[in-house]
N, C-alpha and C. Protein backbone atom coordinates (compact mmCIF):
# COMPACT_ATOMS: atom_id res chain seq x y z
N MET A 1 -43.47 44.30 -16.39
CA MET A 1 -43.28 42.95 -16.88
C MET A 1 -43.46 41.97 -15.72
N THR A 2 -44.23 40.94 -15.94
CA THR A 2 -44.49 39.95 -14.90
C THR A 2 -43.63 38.72 -15.13
N ILE A 3 -42.95 38.33 -14.08
CA ILE A 3 -42.12 37.12 -14.12
C ILE A 3 -42.66 36.18 -13.06
N ASP A 4 -42.83 34.93 -13.44
CA ASP A 4 -43.31 33.91 -12.51
C ASP A 4 -42.17 33.55 -11.55
N ARG A 5 -42.19 34.16 -10.37
CA ARG A 5 -41.12 33.95 -9.40
C ARG A 5 -40.93 32.49 -9.04
N LEU A 6 -42.02 31.81 -8.75
CA LEU A 6 -41.93 30.42 -8.33
C LEU A 6 -41.42 29.53 -9.46
N GLY A 7 -41.96 29.72 -10.66
CA GLY A 7 -41.56 28.89 -11.79
C GLY A 7 -40.10 29.06 -12.15
N VAL A 8 -39.64 30.29 -12.22
CA VAL A 8 -38.24 30.54 -12.56
C VAL A 8 -37.33 30.04 -11.45
N SER A 9 -37.73 30.23 -10.20
CA SER A 9 -36.93 29.76 -9.07
C SER A 9 -36.83 28.23 -9.07
N LEU A 10 -37.93 27.56 -9.36
CA LEU A 10 -37.90 26.09 -9.43
C LEU A 10 -37.03 25.62 -10.59
N ALA A 11 -37.09 26.31 -11.72
CA ALA A 11 -36.25 25.95 -12.86
C ALA A 11 -34.77 26.11 -12.51
N ALA A 12 -34.43 27.19 -11.80
CA ALA A 12 -33.04 27.39 -11.39
C ALA A 12 -32.60 26.33 -10.39
N ALA A 13 -33.48 25.97 -9.48
CA ALA A 13 -33.15 24.94 -8.50
C ALA A 13 -32.93 23.60 -9.19
N LEU A 14 -33.78 23.27 -10.17
CA LEU A 14 -33.63 22.03 -10.92
C LEU A 14 -32.33 22.04 -11.72
N ALA A 15 -32.03 23.16 -12.35
CA ALA A 15 -30.78 23.26 -13.11
C ALA A 15 -29.57 23.10 -12.19
N SER A 16 -29.64 23.65 -10.99
CA SER A 16 -28.54 23.49 -10.03
C SER A 16 -28.40 22.04 -9.60
N GLY A 17 -29.52 21.38 -9.38
CA GLY A 17 -29.47 19.97 -9.00
C GLY A 17 -28.87 19.10 -10.09
N VAL A 18 -29.27 19.35 -11.33
CA VAL A 18 -28.73 18.58 -12.46
C VAL A 18 -27.23 18.85 -12.60
N SER A 19 -26.83 20.12 -12.51
CA SER A 19 -25.40 20.42 -12.64
C SER A 19 -24.60 19.82 -11.49
N TRP A 20 -25.19 19.75 -10.31
CA TRP A 20 -24.51 19.12 -9.16
C TRP A 20 -24.26 17.64 -9.42
N VAL A 21 -25.27 16.96 -9.96
CA VAL A 21 -25.12 15.53 -10.27
C VAL A 21 -24.07 15.34 -11.36
N VAL A 22 -24.10 16.16 -12.40
CA VAL A 22 -23.12 16.05 -13.49
C VAL A 22 -21.71 16.29 -12.96
N CYS A 23 -21.54 17.33 -12.16
CA CYS A 23 -20.21 17.63 -11.59
C CYS A 23 -19.73 16.49 -10.68
N THR A 24 -20.64 15.94 -9.90
CA THR A 24 -20.28 14.82 -9.03
C THR A 24 -19.82 13.62 -9.85
N LEU A 25 -20.52 13.34 -10.93
CA LEU A 25 -20.12 12.24 -11.81
C LEU A 25 -18.76 12.49 -12.45
N ILE A 26 -18.51 13.73 -12.85
CA ILE A 26 -17.21 14.06 -13.44
C ILE A 26 -16.10 13.86 -12.42
N VAL A 27 -16.33 14.30 -11.19
CA VAL A 27 -15.33 14.12 -10.13
C VAL A 27 -15.10 12.64 -9.87
N TRP A 28 -16.16 11.85 -9.88
CA TRP A 28 -16.05 10.41 -9.62
C TRP A 28 -15.32 9.70 -10.76
N ILE A 29 -15.62 10.09 -12.02
CA ILE A 29 -15.02 9.44 -13.18
C ILE A 29 -13.57 9.89 -13.40
N ALA A 30 -13.31 11.16 -13.27
CA ALA A 30 -11.97 11.70 -13.54
C ALA A 30 -11.53 12.62 -12.41
N PRO A 31 -11.19 12.05 -11.25
CA PRO A 31 -10.88 12.90 -10.09
C PRO A 31 -9.65 13.79 -10.27
N SER A 32 -8.61 13.29 -10.91
CA SER A 32 -7.39 14.11 -11.03
C SER A 32 -7.60 15.29 -11.97
N VAL A 33 -8.26 15.06 -13.08
CA VAL A 33 -8.52 16.14 -14.03
C VAL A 33 -9.45 17.18 -13.43
N SER A 34 -10.55 16.72 -12.83
CA SER A 34 -11.50 17.67 -12.24
C SER A 34 -10.88 18.42 -11.07
N SER A 35 -10.03 17.74 -10.33
CA SER A 35 -9.35 18.41 -9.22
C SER A 35 -8.43 19.51 -9.73
N GLN A 36 -7.69 19.25 -10.78
CA GLN A 36 -6.78 20.26 -11.34
C GLN A 36 -7.57 21.45 -11.88
N VAL A 37 -8.69 21.19 -12.54
CA VAL A 37 -9.53 22.27 -13.05
C VAL A 37 -10.05 23.12 -11.88
N MET A 38 -10.48 22.45 -10.81
CA MET A 38 -10.99 23.17 -9.65
C MET A 38 -9.90 24.07 -9.04
N TRP A 39 -8.70 23.53 -8.87
CA TRP A 39 -7.62 24.33 -8.29
C TRP A 39 -7.33 25.54 -9.17
N ASP A 40 -7.36 25.35 -10.48
CA ASP A 40 -7.12 26.47 -11.39
C ASP A 40 -8.22 27.51 -11.27
N MET A 41 -9.47 27.06 -11.14
CA MET A 41 -10.59 28.00 -11.03
C MET A 41 -10.56 28.77 -9.71
N LEU A 42 -10.12 28.12 -8.64
CA LEU A 42 -10.08 28.76 -7.32
C LEU A 42 -8.78 29.51 -7.07
N HIS A 43 -7.82 29.39 -7.99
CA HIS A 43 -6.51 30.02 -7.85
C HIS A 43 -5.84 29.59 -6.54
N MET A 44 -5.86 28.29 -6.28
CA MET A 44 -5.30 27.74 -5.05
C MET A 44 -4.36 26.59 -5.39
N GLU A 45 -3.59 26.22 -4.40
CA GLU A 45 -2.72 25.06 -4.51
C GLU A 45 -3.41 23.86 -3.86
N PRO A 46 -3.20 22.65 -4.40
CA PRO A 46 -3.89 21.46 -3.88
C PRO A 46 -3.65 21.15 -2.41
N HIS A 47 -2.54 21.55 -1.85
CA HIS A 47 -2.25 21.20 -0.46
C HIS A 47 -3.02 22.07 0.55
N GLN A 48 -3.75 23.07 0.09
CA GLN A 48 -4.42 23.98 1.01
C GLN A 48 -5.73 23.43 1.58
N ILE A 49 -6.36 22.49 0.88
CA ILE A 49 -7.63 21.95 1.34
C ILE A 49 -7.64 20.44 1.09
N ASP A 50 -8.23 19.70 2.02
CA ASP A 50 -8.39 18.26 1.86
C ASP A 50 -9.86 17.98 1.57
N TRP A 51 -10.16 17.38 0.42
CA TRP A 51 -11.52 17.12 0.00
C TRP A 51 -11.86 15.65 0.15
N GLN A 52 -13.13 15.38 0.43
CA GLN A 52 -13.62 14.01 0.50
C GLN A 52 -14.91 13.92 -0.30
N LEU A 53 -15.09 12.79 -0.97
CA LEU A 53 -16.30 12.56 -1.75
C LEU A 53 -17.02 11.37 -1.14
N ASP A 54 -18.07 11.66 -0.35
CA ASP A 54 -18.85 10.59 0.26
C ASP A 54 -20.34 10.85 0.01
N PRO A 55 -21.17 9.83 0.12
CA PRO A 55 -22.60 9.99 -0.18
C PRO A 55 -23.29 11.09 0.63
N ALA A 56 -22.98 11.21 1.89
CA ALA A 56 -23.61 12.24 2.71
C ALA A 56 -23.23 13.63 2.22
N GLY A 57 -21.95 13.83 1.91
CA GLY A 57 -21.51 15.13 1.41
C GLY A 57 -22.14 15.47 0.07
N ILE A 58 -22.27 14.45 -0.78
CA ILE A 58 -22.91 14.67 -2.08
C ILE A 58 -24.36 15.10 -1.88
N ALA A 59 -25.08 14.40 -1.03
CA ALA A 59 -26.50 14.70 -0.81
C ALA A 59 -26.69 16.06 -0.14
N ILE A 60 -25.96 16.32 0.92
CA ILE A 60 -26.11 17.59 1.65
C ILE A 60 -25.67 18.76 0.77
N GLY A 61 -24.56 18.60 0.09
CA GLY A 61 -24.08 19.67 -0.80
C GLY A 61 -25.07 19.95 -1.92
N GLY A 62 -25.61 18.89 -2.50
CA GLY A 62 -26.59 19.07 -3.57
C GLY A 62 -27.84 19.78 -3.09
N LEU A 63 -28.36 19.37 -1.95
CA LEU A 63 -29.54 20.03 -1.39
C LEU A 63 -29.27 21.49 -1.04
N ALA A 64 -28.07 21.76 -0.53
CA ALA A 64 -27.72 23.14 -0.20
C ALA A 64 -27.68 24.01 -1.44
N TRP A 65 -27.07 23.52 -2.52
CA TRP A 65 -27.00 24.30 -3.76
C TRP A 65 -28.39 24.49 -4.36
N ILE A 66 -29.23 23.48 -4.30
CA ILE A 66 -30.60 23.59 -4.82
C ILE A 66 -31.37 24.66 -4.05
N ALA A 67 -31.32 24.59 -2.73
CA ALA A 67 -32.04 25.56 -1.89
C ALA A 67 -31.49 26.97 -2.09
N LEU A 68 -30.18 27.10 -2.12
CA LEU A 68 -29.57 28.42 -2.29
C LEU A 68 -29.92 29.03 -3.64
N SER A 69 -29.87 28.24 -4.70
CA SER A 69 -30.21 28.79 -6.02
C SER A 69 -31.68 29.19 -6.07
N PHE A 70 -32.56 28.39 -5.48
CA PHE A 70 -33.98 28.75 -5.44
C PHE A 70 -34.16 30.10 -4.73
N LEU A 71 -33.57 30.23 -3.55
CA LEU A 71 -33.74 31.46 -2.78
C LEU A 71 -33.14 32.68 -3.47
N LEU A 72 -31.96 32.53 -4.06
CA LEU A 72 -31.32 33.66 -4.72
C LEU A 72 -32.10 34.11 -5.96
N VAL A 73 -32.59 33.17 -6.73
CA VAL A 73 -33.36 33.55 -7.92
C VAL A 73 -34.69 34.17 -7.50
N TRP A 74 -35.37 33.58 -6.53
CA TRP A 74 -36.62 34.14 -6.05
C TRP A 74 -36.42 35.57 -5.56
N LEU A 75 -35.37 35.78 -4.76
CA LEU A 75 -35.08 37.11 -4.24
C LEU A 75 -34.72 38.09 -5.36
N SER A 76 -33.95 37.63 -6.33
CA SER A 76 -33.58 38.49 -7.45
C SER A 76 -34.81 38.95 -8.23
N ILE A 77 -35.73 38.03 -8.49
CA ILE A 77 -36.94 38.41 -9.22
C ILE A 77 -37.81 39.32 -8.37
N PHE A 78 -37.90 39.07 -7.08
CA PHE A 78 -38.66 39.93 -6.18
C PHE A 78 -38.12 41.36 -6.22
N ILE A 79 -36.82 41.51 -6.10
CA ILE A 79 -36.20 42.84 -6.13
C ILE A 79 -36.39 43.49 -7.50
N TYR A 80 -36.23 42.70 -8.56
CA TYR A 80 -36.42 43.23 -9.90
C TYR A 80 -37.84 43.77 -10.07
N GLN A 81 -38.83 43.02 -9.60
CA GLN A 81 -40.21 43.47 -9.74
C GLN A 81 -40.50 44.70 -8.89
N LEU A 82 -39.85 44.82 -7.73
CA LEU A 82 -40.00 46.04 -6.94
C LEU A 82 -39.42 47.25 -7.68
N LEU A 83 -38.26 47.08 -8.27
CA LEU A 83 -37.62 48.18 -9.01
C LEU A 83 -38.35 48.50 -10.30
N ASP A 84 -38.99 47.50 -10.90
CA ASP A 84 -39.69 47.70 -12.16
C ASP A 84 -40.97 48.50 -12.00
N ARG A 85 -41.51 48.56 -10.79
CA ARG A 85 -42.75 49.30 -10.53
C ARG A 85 -42.55 50.80 -10.67
N SER A 86 -41.35 51.27 -10.41
CA SER A 86 -41.13 52.72 -10.44
C SER A 86 -40.76 53.23 -11.82
């Protein structure tokens, strides 16, 4: 089975970028609710980490998630295609 590595990786990167923007907007609009949800998801107490929401962090974090998702999906498809040959 042939999977378009570049196309799927770009789609995953775009989806990560969109979800990053949506999550950033949710944090900006409802910081207390989103913060409580995050603490529950991480199984942590709020006093353990101090978070800041600034434009540089939003941009750098978004680019990091986009690049990481692209690389992980590309690598996953590459490995899958190697295993599928046998």
